[in-house]
Amino acid sequence: MFKHRSNGRVFVISIDGVPYNFMQQQMAQGRFPNFKRLTQHGSLRRMNSVHPCLSSVAWSSYMTGKNPAQHNIFGFVERKAGSYDLFMPTSRDMRGVTIWEIMSAAG
């Protein structure tokens, strides 16, 4: 069904909040057949998260390869320096180059 070819492209599917063991168990029980097929012709890997274990922090680390102190994202809502005013950090607040920016620059 699949021909194993290498064209130098990488396709990554990351599902937030789904434990590795859960995916393994569900695929073994016949659920998620499409994911099972993808893993048979690709791979399924366990990923460790960062602390704090919040999606915004983890995705920023995933994108930059940096820890929260380096990429400057610590949660969904943060305080402005020197005040109690709150703000929601965006990609503009994130420090570091993302993996796709690095790969795009490399061609």
PDB file of N, CA and C in Angstrom:
ATOM      1  N   MET A   1       0.812  -1.184   0.000  1.00  0.00           N
ATOM      2  CA  MET A   1       0.000   0.000   0.000  1.00  0.00           C
ATOM      3  C   MET A   1       0.866   1.262   0.000  1.00  0.00           C
ATOM      4  N   PHE A   2       1.869   1.312   0.868  1.00  0.00           N
ATOM      5  CA  PHE A   2       2.787   2.436   0.905  1.00  0.00           C
ATOM      6  C   PHE A   2       4.091   2.026   0.252  1.00  0.00           C
ATOM      7  N   LYS A   3       4.635   2.892  -0.550  1.00  0.00           N
ATOM      8  CA  LYS A   3       5.981   2.663  -1.058  1.00  0.00           C
ATOM      9  C   LYS A   3       6.913   3.453  -0.163  1.00  0.00           C
ATOM     10  N   HIS A   4       7.955   2.817   0.272  1.00  0.00           N
ATOM     11  CA  HIS A   4       8.896   3.481   1.167  1.00  0.00           C
ATOM     12  C   HIS A   4       9.859   4.318   0.335  1.00  0.00           C
ATOM     13  N   ARG A   5       9.625   5.603   0.281  1.00  0.00           N
ATOM     14  CA  ARG A   5      10.490   6.500  -0.469  1.00  0.00           C
ATOM     15  C   ARG A   5      11.006   7.570   0.472  1.00  0.00           C
ATOM     16  N   SER A   6      12.143   8.083   0.121  1.00  0.00           N
ATOM     17  CA  SER A   6      12.683   9.192   0.885  1.00  0.00           C
ATOM     18  C   SER A   6      12.882  10.365  -0.059  1.00  0.00           C
ATOM     19  N   ASN A   7      12.150  11.416   0.179  1.00  0.00           N
ATOM     20  CA  ASN A   7      12.312  12.613  -0.634  1.00  0.00           C
ATOM     21  C   ASN A   7      12.886  13.758   0.187  1.00  0.00           C
ATOM     22  N   GLY A   8      13.406  13.435   1.363  1.00  0.00           N
ATOM     23  CA  GLY A   8      13.989  14.450   2.222  1.00  0.00           C
ATOM     24  C   GLY A   8      12.975  15.272   2.994  1.00  0.00           C
ATOM     25  N   ARG A   9      11.725  14.896   2.943  1.00  0.00           N
ATOM     26  CA  ARG A   9      10.692  15.639   3.662  1.00  0.00           C
ATOM     27  C   ARG A   9      10.331  14.919   4.954  1.00  0.00           C
ATOM     28  N   VAL A  10       9.932  15.703   5.911  1.00  0.00           N
ATOM     29  CA  VAL A  10       9.522  15.166   7.208  1.00  0.00           C
ATOM     30  C   VAL A  10       8.103  15.648   7.487  1.00  0.00           C
ATOM     31  N   PHE A  11       7.268  14.742   7.943  1.00  0.00           N
ATOM     32  CA  PHE A  11       5.892  15.062   8.305  1.00  0.00           C
ATOM     33  C   PHE A  11       5.725  14.698   9.770  1.00  0.00           C
ATOM     34  N   VAL A  12       5.388  15.668  10.595  1.00  0.00           N
ATOM     35  CA  VAL A  12       5.269  15.443  12.032  1.00  0.00           C
ATOM     36  C   VAL A  12       3.827  15.705  12.458  1.00  0.00           C
ATOM     37  N   ILE A  13       3.258  14.746  13.175  1.00  0.00           N
ATOM     38  CA  ILE A  13       1.943  14.928  13.785  1.00  0.00           C
ATOM     39  C   ILE A  13       2.164  14.900  15.292  1.00  0.00           C
ATOM     40  N   SER A  14       1.846  15.994  15.939  1.00  0.00           N
ATOM     41  CA  SER A  14       1.971  16.071  17.397  1.00  0.00           C
ATOM     42  C   SER A  14       0.589  16.311  17.974  1.00  0.00           C
ATOM     43  N   ILE A  15       0.198  15.461  18.905  1.00  0.00           N
ATOM     44  CA  ILE A  15      -1.124  15.574  19.514  1.00  0.00           C
ATOM     45  C   ILE A  15      -0.934  15.972  20.970  1.00  0.00           C
ATOM     46  N   ASP A  16      -1.442  17.124  21.309  1.00  0.00           N
ATOM     47  CA  ASP A  16      -1.264  17.686  22.641  1.00  0.00           C
ATOM     48  C   ASP A  16      -2.110  16.945  23.668  1.00  0.00           C
ATOM     49  N   GLY A  17      -1.501  16.555  24.771  1.00  0.00           N
ATOM     50  CA  GLY A  17      -2.237  15.990  25.898  1.00  0.00           C
ATOM     51  C   GLY A  17      -2.597  14.525  25.790  1.00  0.00           C
ATOM     52  N   VAL A  18      -2.073  13.817  24.805  1.00  0.00           N
ATOM     53  CA  VAL A  18      -2.387  12.393  24.655  1.00  0.00           C
ATOM     54  C   VAL A  18      -1.187  11.574  25.116  1.00  0.00           C
ATOM     55  N   PRO A  19      -1.323  10.811  26.183  1.00  0.00           N
ATOM     56  CA  PRO A  19      -0.202  10.002  26.669  1.00  0.00           C
ATOM     57  C   PRO A  19       0.212   8.921  25.662  1.00  0.00           C
ATOM     58  N   TYR A  20       1.491   8.696  25.571  1.00  0.00           N
ATOM     59  CA  TYR A  20       2.067   7.689  24.680  1.00  0.00           C
ATOM     60  C   TYR A  20       1.441   6.320  24.933  1.00  0.00           C
ATOM     61  N   ASN A  21       1.343   5.922  26.202  1.00  0.00           N
ATOM     62  CA  ASN A  21       0.780   4.608  26.540  1.00  0.00           C
ATOM     63  C   ASN A  21      -0.672   4.474  26.085  1.00  0.00           C
ATOM     64  N   PHE A  22      -1.417   5.555  26.165  1.00  0.00           N
ATOM     65  CA  PHE A  22      -2.810   5.543  25.712  1.00  0.00           C
ATOM     66  C   PHE A  22      -2.875   5.253  24.216  1.00  0.00           C
ATOM     67  N   MET A  23      -2.042   5.930  23.432  1.00  0.00           N
ATOM     68  CA  MET A  23      -2.028   5.697  21.980  1.00  0.00           C
ATOM     69  C   MET A  23      -1.654   4.254  21.676  1.00  0.00           C
ATOM     70  N   GLN A  24      -0.625   3.747  22.349  1.00  0.00           N
ATOM     71  CA  GLN A  24      -0.192   2.369  22.127  1.00  0.00           C
ATOM     72  C   GLN A  24      -1.331   1.393  22.436  1.00  0.00           C
ATOM     73  N   GLN A  25      -1.975   1.593  23.568  1.00  0.00           N
ATOM     74  CA  GLN A  25      -3.061   0.708  24.002  1.00  0.00           C
ATOM     75  C   GLN A  25      -4.238   0.756  23.027  1.00  0.00           C
ATOM     76  N   GLN A  26      -4.627   1.945  22.628  1.00  0.00           N
ATOM     77  CA  GLN A  26      -5.768   2.094  21.727  1.00  0.00           C
ATOM     78  C   GLN A  26      -5.485   1.471  20.360  1.00  0.00           C
ATOM     79  N   MET A  27      -4.283   1.650  19.853  1.00  0.00           N
ATOM     80  CA  MET A  27      -3.941   1.054  18.557  1.00  0.00           C
ATOM     81  C   MET A  27      -3.898  -0.466  18.658  1.00  0.00           C
ATOM     82  N   ALA A  28      -3.416  -0.990  19.779  1.00  0.00           N
ATOM     83  CA  ALA A  28      -3.375  -2.443  19.985  1.00  0.00           C
ATOM     84  C   ALA A  28      -4.783  -3.033  20.053  1.00  0.00           C
ATOM     85  N   GLN A  29      -5.756  -2.241  20.506  1.00  0.00           N
ATOM     86  CA  GLN A  29      -7.145  -2.696  20.606  1.00  0.00           C
ATOM     87  C   GLN A  29      -7.941  -2.447  19.323  1.00  0.00           C
ATOM     88  N   GLY A  30      -7.263  -2.017  18.280  1.00  0.00           N
ATOM     89  CA  GLY A  30      -7.927  -1.818  17.000  1.00  0.00           C
ATOM     90  C   GLY A  30      -8.502  -0.437  16.769  1.00  0.00           C
ATOM     91  N   ARG A  31      -8.322   0.450  17.720  1.00  0.00           N
ATOM     92  CA  ARG A  31      -8.791   1.823  17.542  1.00  0.00           C
ATOM     93  C   ARG A  31      -7.682   2.626  16.855  1.00  0.00           C
ATOM     94  N   PHE A  32      -8.023   3.709  16.282  1.00  0.00           N
ATOM     95  CA  PHE A  32      -7.076   4.589  15.574  1.00  0.00           C
ATOM     96  C   PHE A  32      -6.307   3.840  14.482  1.00  0.00           C
ATOM     97  N   PRO A  33      -6.994   3.138  13.580  1.00  0.00           N
ATOM     98  CA  PRO A  33      -6.295   2.353  12.562  1.00  0.00           C
ATOM     99  C   PRO A  33      -5.402   3.191  11.647  1.00  0.00           C
ATOM    100  N   ASN A  34      -5.796   4.418  11.381  1.00  0.00           N
ATOM    101  CA  ASN A  34      -4.967   5.260  10.514  1.00  0.00           C
ATOM    102  C   ASN A  34      -3.667   5.664  11.200  1.00  0.00           C
ATOM    103  N   PHE A  35      -3.746   5.953  12.488  1.00  0.00           N
ATOM    104  CA  PHE A  35      -2.514   6.247  13.226  1.00  0.00           C
ATOM    105  C   PHE A  35      -1.621   5.015  13.281  1.00  0.00           C
ATOM    106  N   LYS A  36      -2.230   3.866  13.472  1.00  0.00           N
ATOM    107  CA  LYS A  36      -1.442   2.634  13.513  1.00  0.00           C
ATOM    108  C   LYS A  36      -0.703   2.431  12.197  1.00  0.00           C
ATOM    109  N   ARG A  37      -1.393   2.667  11.097  1.00  0.00           N
ATOM    110  CA  ARG A  37      -0.759   2.513   9.792  1.00  0.00           C
ATOM    111  C   ARG A  37       0.382   3.520   9.623  1.00  0.00           C
ATOM    112  N   LEU A  38       0.167   4.734  10.069  1.00  0.00           N
ATOM    113  CA  LEU A  38       1.233   5.736   9.994  1.00  0.00           C
ATOM    114  C   LEU A  38       2.452   5.311  10.806  1.00  0.00           C
ATOM    115  N   THR A  39       2.222   4.757  11.994  1.00  0.00           N
ATOM    116  CA  THR A  39       3.360   4.349  12.833  1.00  0.00           C
ATOM    117  C   THR A  39       4.071   3.130  12.271  1.00  0.00           C
ATOM    118  N   GLN A  40       3.349   2.281  11.550  1.00  0.00           N
ATOM    119  CA  GLN A  40       3.986   1.108  10.950  1.00  0.00           C
ATOM    120  C   GLN A  40       4.910   1.504   9.807  1.00  0.00           C
ATOM    121  N   HIS A  41       4.618   2.618   9.170  1.00  0.00           N
ATOM    122  CA  HIS A  41       5.429   3.084   8.049  1.00  0.00           C
ATOM    123  C   HIS A  41       6.248   4.309   8.425  1.00  0.00           C
ATOM    124  N   GLY A  42       6.206   4.673   9.666  1.00  0.00           N
ATOM    125  CA  GLY A  42       6.956   5.815  10.169  1.00  0.00           C
ATOM    126  C   GLY A  42       7.407   5.498  11.577  1.00  0.00           C
ATOM    127  N   SER A  43       7.007   6.327  12.515  1.00  0.00           N
ATOM    128  CA  SER A  43       7.375   6.050  13.902  1.00  0.00           C
ATOM    129  C   SER A  43       6.412   6.756  14.851  1.00  0.00           C
ATOM    130  N   LEU A  44       6.391   6.266  16.065  1.00  0.00           N
ATOM    131  CA  LEU A  44       5.645   6.871  17.162  1.00  0.00           C
ATOM    132  C   LEU A  44       6.631   6.978  18.304  1.00  0.00           C
ATOM    133  N   ARG A  45       6.824   8.163  18.814  1.00  0.00           N
ATOM    134  CA  ARG A  45       7.831   8.369  19.848  1.00  0.00           C
ATOM    135  C   ARG A  45       7.225   9.032  21.075  1.00  0.00           C
ATOM    136  N   ARG A  46       7.727   8.610  22.217  1.00  0.00           N
ATOM    137  CA  ARG A  46       7.365   9.228  23.496  1.00  0.00           C
ATOM    138  C   ARG A  46       8.144  10.541  23.604  1.00  0.00           C
ATOM    139  N   MET A  47       7.466  11.569  24.069  1.00  0.00           N
ATOM    140  CA  MET A  47       8.130  12.856  24.261  1.00  0.00           C
ATOM    141  C   MET A  47       8.022  13.259  25.719  1.00  0.00           C
ATOM    142  N   ASN A  48       9.083  13.790  26.244  1.00  0.00           N
ATOM    143  CA  ASN A  48       9.063  14.342  27.591  1.00  0.00           C
ATOM    144  C   ASN A  48       8.684  15.808  27.503  1.00  0.00           C
ATOM    145  N   SER A  49       7.955  16.272  28.489  1.00  0.00           N
ATOM    146  CA  SER A  49       7.537  17.666  28.485  1.00  0.00           C
ATOM    147  C   SER A  49       8.490  18.502  29.323  1.00  0.00           C
ATOM    148  N   VAL A  50       8.176  19.764  29.417  1.00  0.00           N
ATOM    149  CA  VAL A  50       8.955  20.706  30.212  1.00  0.00           C
ATOM    150  C   VAL A  50       8.148  21.064  31.451  1.00  0.00           C
ATOM    151  N   HIS A  51       8.750  21.825  32.337  1.00  0.00           N
ATOM    152  CA  HIS A  51       8.047  22.308  33.525  1.00  0.00           C
ATOM    153  C   HIS A  51       8.002  23.818  33.465  1.00  0.00           C
ATOM    154  N   PRO A  52       6.874  24.429  33.647  1.00  0.00           N
ATOM    155  CA  PRO A  52       5.602  23.802  33.971  1.00  0.00           C
ATOM    156  C   PRO A  52       5.018  23.066  32.768  1.00  0.00           C
ATOM    157  N   CYS A  53       4.268  22.019  33.048  1.00  0.00           N
ATOM    158  CA  CYS A  53       3.672  21.176  31.996  1.00  0.00           C
ATOM    159  C   CYS A  53       2.398  21.826  31.467  1.00  0.00           C
ATOM    160  N   LEU A  54       2.562  22.899  30.760  1.00  0.00           N
ATOM    161  CA  LEU A  54       1.448  23.617  30.137  1.00  0.00           C
ATOM    162  C   LEU A  54       1.667  23.620  28.633  1.00  0.00           C
ATOM    163  N   SER A  55       0.599  23.543  27.894  1.00  0.00           N
ATOM    164  CA  SER A  55       0.710  23.456  26.439  1.00  0.00           C
ATOM    165  C   SER A  55       1.497  24.605  25.835  1.00  0.00           C
ATOM    166  N   SER A  56       1.221  25.831  26.260  1.00  0.00           N
ATOM    167  CA  SER A  56       1.914  26.980  25.665  1.00  0.00           C
ATOM    168  C   SER A  56       3.418  26.906  25.902  1.00  0.00           C
ATOM    169  N   VAL A  57       3.810  26.433  27.056  1.00  0.00           N
ATOM    170  CA  VAL A  57       5.230  26.301  27.387  1.00  0.00           C
ATOM    171  C   VAL A  57       5.846  25.147  26.603  1.00  0.00           C
ATOM    172  N   ALA A  58       5.154  24.016  26.582  1.00  0.00           N
ATOM    173  CA  ALA A  58       5.671  22.829  25.891  1.00  0.00           C
ATOM    174  C   ALA A  58       5.801  23.060  24.392  1.00  0.00           C
ATOM    175  N   TRP A  59       4.798  23.671  23.768  1.00  0.00           N
ATOM    176  CA  TRP A  59       4.870  23.923  22.327  1.00  0.00           C
ATOM    177  C   TRP A  59       5.991  24.903  21.996  1.00  0.00           C
ATOM    178  N   SER A  60       6.207  25.889  22.856  1.00  0.00           N
ATOM    179  CA  SER A  60       7.312  26.832  22.621  1.00  0.00           C
ATOM    180  C   SER A  60       8.651  26.118  22.693  1.00  0.00           C
ATOM    181  N   SER A  61       8.790  25.193  23.639  1.00  0.00           N
ATOM    182  CA  SER A  61      10.019  24.397  23.733  1.00  0.00           C
ATOM    183  C   SER A  61      10.154  23.477  22.531  1.00  0.00           C
ATOM    184  N   TYR A  62       9.063  22.879  22.109  1.00  0.00           N
ATOM    185  CA  TYR A  62       9.044  21.998  20.943  1.00  0.00           C
ATOM    186  C   TYR A  62       9.507  22.756  19.695  1.00  0.00           C
ATOM    187  N   MET A  63       9.016  23.978  19.534  1.00  0.00           N
ATOM    188  CA  MET A  63       9.326  24.762  18.337  1.00  0.00           C
ATOM    189  C   MET A  63      10.753  25.283  18.317  1.00  0.00           C
ATOM    190  N   THR A  64      11.292  25.612  19.505  1.00  0.00           N
ATOM    191  CA  THR A  64      12.607  26.258  19.558  1.00  0.00           C
ATOM    192  C   THR A  64      13.733  25.352  20.043  1.00  0.00           C
ATOM    193  N   GLY A  65      13.382  24.255  20.711  1.00  0.00           N
ATOM    194  CA  GLY A  65      14.420  23.415  21.302  1.00  0.00           C
ATOM    195  C   GLY A  65      15.021  24.031  22.552  1.00  0.00           C
ATOM    196  N   LYS A  66      14.358  25.036  23.100  1.00  0.00           N
ATOM    197  CA  LYS A  66      14.872  25.741  24.281  1.00  0.00           C
ATOM    198  C   LYS A  66      13.951  25.509  25.479  1.00  0.00           C
ATOM    199  N   ASN A  67      14.513  25.698  26.666  1.00  0.00           N
ATOM    200  CA  ASN A  67      13.689  25.578  27.865  1.00  0.00           C
ATOM    201  C   ASN A  67      12.966  26.907  28.109  1.00  0.00           C
ATOM    202  N   PRO A  68      11.988  26.940  29.025  1.00  0.00           N
ATOM    203  CA  PRO A  68      11.209  28.161  29.241  1.00  0.00           C
ATOM    204  C   PRO A  68      12.057  29.396  29.568  1.00  0.00           C
ATOM    205  N   ALA A  69      13.111  29.232  30.337  1.00  0.00           N
ATOM    206  CA  ALA A  69      13.953  30.384  30.664  1.00  0.00           C
ATOM    207  C   ALA A  69      14.624  30.955  29.418  1.00  0.00           C
ATOM    208  N   GLN A  70      14.858  30.112  28.433  1.00  0.00           N
ATOM    209  CA  GLN A  70      15.500  30.570  27.202  1.00  0.00           C
ATOM    210  C   GLN A  70      14.497  31.126  26.192  1.00  0.00           C
ATOM    211  N   HIS A  71      13.305  30.525  26.098  1.00  0.00           N
ATOM    212  CA  HIS A  71      12.350  31.015  25.090  1.00  0.00           C
ATOM    213  C   HIS A  71      11.353  32.024  25.645  1.00  0.00           C
ATOM    214  N   ASN A  72      11.307  32.201  26.959  1.00  0.00           N
ATOM    215  CA  ASN A  72      10.551  33.278  27.601  1.00  0.00           C
ATOM    216  C   ASN A  72       9.036  33.072  27.650  1.00  0.00           C
ATOM    217  N   ILE A  73       8.572  31.848  27.482  1.00  0.00           N
ATOM    218  CA  ILE A  73       7.135  31.573  27.616  1.00  0.00           C
ATOM    219  C   ILE A  73       6.965  30.679  28.842  1.00  0.00           C
ATOM    220  N   PHE A  74       6.180  31.157  29.815  1.00  0.00           N
ATOM    221  CA  PHE A  74       6.036  30.439  31.077  1.00  0.00           C
ATOM    222  C   PHE A  74       4.605  30.010  31.377  1.00  0.00           C
ATOM    223  N   GLY A  75       3.666  30.413  30.551  1.00  0.00           N
ATOM    224  CA  GLY A  75       2.279  30.031  30.774  1.00  0.00           C
ATOM    225  C   GLY A  75       1.361  30.705  29.777  1.00  0.00           C
ATOM    226  N   PHE A  76       0.064  30.469  29.962  1.00  0.00           N
ATOM    227  CA  PHE A  76      -0.930  31.076  29.076  1.00  0.00           C
ATOM    228  C   PHE A  76      -1.162  32.544  29.409  1.00  0.00           C
ATOM    229  N   VAL A  77      -1.004  32.883  30.691  1.00  0.00           N
ATOM    230  CA  VAL A  77      -1.171  34.259  31.147  1.00  0.00           C
ATOM    231  C   VAL A  77       0.033  34.589  32.017  1.00  0.00           C
ATOM    232  N   GLU A  78       0.613  35.763  31.773  1.00  0.00           N
ATOM    233  CA  GLU A  78       1.794  36.174  32.537  1.00  0.00           C
ATOM    234  C   GLU A  78       1.614  37.603  33.015  1.00  0.00           C
ATOM    235  N   ARG A  79       2.472  38.008  33.943  1.00  0.00           N
ATOM    236  CA  ARG A  79       2.452  39.377  34.452  1.00  0.00           C
ATOM    237  C   ARG A  79       3.464  40.223  33.704  1.00  0.00           C
ATOM    238  N   LYS A  80       3.066  41.461  33.451  1.00  0.00           N
ATOM    239  CA  LYS A  80       4.017  42.402  32.865  1.00  0.00           C
ATOM    240  C   LYS A  80       5.056  42.722  33.930  1.00  0.00           C
ATOM    241  N   ALA A  81       6.293  42.853  33.502  1.00  0.00           N
ATOM    242  CA  ALA A  81       7.390  43.139  34.440  1.00  0.00           C
ATOM    243  C   ALA A  81       7.106  44.423  35.217  1.00  0.00           C
ATOM    244  N   GLY A  82       7.304  44.364  36.520  1.00  0.00           N
ATOM    245  CA  GLY A  82       7.152  45.529  37.380  1.00  0.00           C
ATOM    246  C   GLY A  82       5.715  45.937  37.672  1.00  0.00           C
ATOM    247  N   SER A  83       4.746  45.093  37.353  1.00  0.00           N
ATOM    248  CA  SER A  83       3.352  45.443  37.640  1.00  0.00           C
ATOM    249  C   SER A  83       2.553  44.165  37.895  1.00  0.00           C
ATOM    250  N   TYR A  84       1.290  44.363  38.179  1.00  0.00           N
ATOM    251  CA  TYR A  84       0.391  43.223  38.342  1.00  0.00           C
ATOM    252  C   TYR A  84      -0.522  43.056  37.124  1.00  0.00           C
ATOM    253  N   ASP A  85      -0.245  43.830  36.087  1.00  0.00           N
ATOM    254  CA  ASP A  85      -1.032  43.715  34.860  1.00  0.00           C
ATOM    255  C   ASP A  85      -0.744  42.382  34.190  1.00  0.00           C
ATOM    256  N   LEU A  86      -1.786  41.759  33.683  1.00  0.00           N
ATOM    257  CA  LEU A  86      -1.647  40.459  33.030  1.00  0.00           C
ATOM    258  C   LEU A  86      -1.680  40.612  31.518  1.00  0.00           C
ATOM    259  N   PHE A  87      -1.017  39.697  30.848  1.00  0.00           N
ATOM    260  CA  PHE A  87      -1.080  39.654  29.392  1.00  0.00           C
ATOM    261  C   PHE A  87      -0.956  38.206  28.940  1.00  0.00           C
ATOM    262  N   MET A  88      -1.422  37.963  27.744  1.00  0.00           N
ATOM    263  CA  MET A  88      -1.312  36.627  27.148  1.00  0.00           C
ATOM    264  C   MET A  88      -0.143  36.652  26.165  1.00  0.00           C
ATOM    265  N   PRO A  89       0.919  35.905  26.455  1.00  0.00           N
ATOM    266  CA  PRO A  89       2.080  35.924  25.565  1.00  0.00           C
ATOM    267  C   PRO A  89       1.758  35.325  24.197  1.00  0.00           C
ATOM    268  N   THR A  90       2.396  35.872  23.185  1.00  0.00           N
ATOM    269  CA  THR A  90       2.231  35.383  21.817  1.00  0.00           C
ATOM    270  C   THR A  90       3.604  35.018  21.261  1.00  0.00           C
ATOM    271  N   SER A  91       3.630  34.665  20.003  1.00  0.00           N
ATOM    272  CA  SER A  91       4.905  34.325  19.366  1.00  0.00           C
ATOM    273  C   SER A  91       5.852  35.518  19.353  1.00  0.00           C
ATOM    274  N   ARG A  92       5.326  36.716  19.436  1.00  0.00           N
ATOM    275  CA  ARG A  92       6.188  37.910  19.487  1.00  0.00           C
ATOM    276  C   ARG A  92       6.977  37.974  20.793  1.00  0.00           C
ATOM    277  N   ASP A  93       6.452  37.352  21.837  1.00  0.00           N
ATOM    278  CA  ASP A  93       7.141  37.344  23.129  1.00  0.00           C
ATOM    279  C   ASP A  93       8.161  36.216  23.221  1.00  0.00           C
ATOM    280  N   MET A  94       8.052  35.263  22.329  1.00  0.00           N
ATOM    281  CA  MET A  94       8.928  34.082  22.372  1.00  0.00           C
ATOM    282  C   MET A  94      10.303  34.428  21.807  1.00  0.00           C
ATOM    283  N   ARG A  95      11.333  34.013  22.534  1.00  0.00           N
ATOM    284  CA  ARG A  95      12.704  34.197  22.065  1.00  0.00           C
ATOM    285  C   ARG A  95      13.193  32.888  21.473  1.00  0.00           C
ATOM    286  N   GLY A  96      13.984  32.983  20.458  1.00  0.00           N
ATOM    287  CA  GLY A  96      14.546  31.790  19.843  1.00  0.00           C
ATOM    288  C   GLY A  96      13.998  31.573  18.450  1.00  0.00           C
ATOM    289  N   VAL A  97      14.792  30.926  17.646  1.00  0.00           N
ATOM    290  CA  VAL A  97      14.426  30.616  16.268  1.00  0.00           C
ATOM    291  C   VAL A  97      13.719  29.263  16.265  1.00  0.00           C
ATOM    292  N   THR A  98      12.633  29.157  15.524  1.00  0.00           N
ATOM    293  CA  THR A  98      11.889  27.896  15.478  1.00  0.00           C
ATOM    294  C   THR A  98      12.556  26.909  14.529  1.00  0.00           C
ATOM    295  N   ILE A  99      12.248  25.650  14.732  1.00  0.00           N
ATOM    296  CA  ILE A  99      12.844  24.594  13.919  1.00  0.00           C
ATOM    297  C   ILE A  99      12.500  24.784  12.449  1.00  0.00           C
ATOM    298  N   TRP A 100      11.286  25.230  12.138  1.00  0.00           N
ATOM    299  CA  TRP A 100      10.941  25.390  10.723  1.00  0.00           C
ATOM    300  C   TRP A 100      11.630  26.595  10.112  1.00  0.00           C
ATOM    301  N   GLU A 101      11.952  27.617  10.919  1.00  0.00           N
ATOM    302  CA  GLU A 101      12.740  28.736  10.398  1.00  0.00           C
ATOM    303  C   GLU A 101      14.158  28.272  10.069  1.00  0.00           C
ATOM    304  N   ILE A 102      14.706  27.431  10.919  1.00  0.00           N
ATOM    305  CA  ILE A 102      16.045  26.883  10.677  1.00  0.00           C
ATOM    306  C   ILE A 102      16.037  26.015   9.422  1.00  0.00           C
ATOM    307  N   MET A 103      15.043  25.150   9.306  1.00  0.00           N
ATOM    308  CA  MET A 103      14.973  24.257   8.148  1.00  0.00           C
ATOM    309  C   MET A 103      14.703  25.028   6.860  1.00  0.00           C
ATOM    310  N   SER A 104      13.869  26.055   6.914  1.00  0.00           N
ATOM    311  CA  SER A 104      13.607  26.866   5.725  1.00  0.00           C
ATOM    312  C   SER A 104      14.869  27.582   5.265  1.00  0.00           C
ATOM    313  N   ALA A 105      15.632  28.103   6.213  1.00  0.00           N
ATOM    314  CA  ALA A 105      16.876  28.793   5.863  1.00  0.00           C
ATOM    315  C   ALA A 105      17.888  27.836   5.236  1.00  0.00           C
ATOM    316  N   ALA A 106      17.820  26.559   5.647  1.00  0.00           N
ATOM    317  CA  ALA A 106      18.751  25.559   5.110  1.00  0.00           C
ATOM    318  C   ALA A 106      18.314  25.051   3.737  1.00  0.00           C
ATOM    319  N   GLY A 107      17.089  25.388   3.339  1.00  0.00           N
ATOM    320  CA  GLY A 107      16.601  24.967   2.026  1.00  0.00           C
ATOM    321  C   GLY A 107      15.868  23.691   2.088  1.00  0.00           C
TER     322      GLY A 107
END
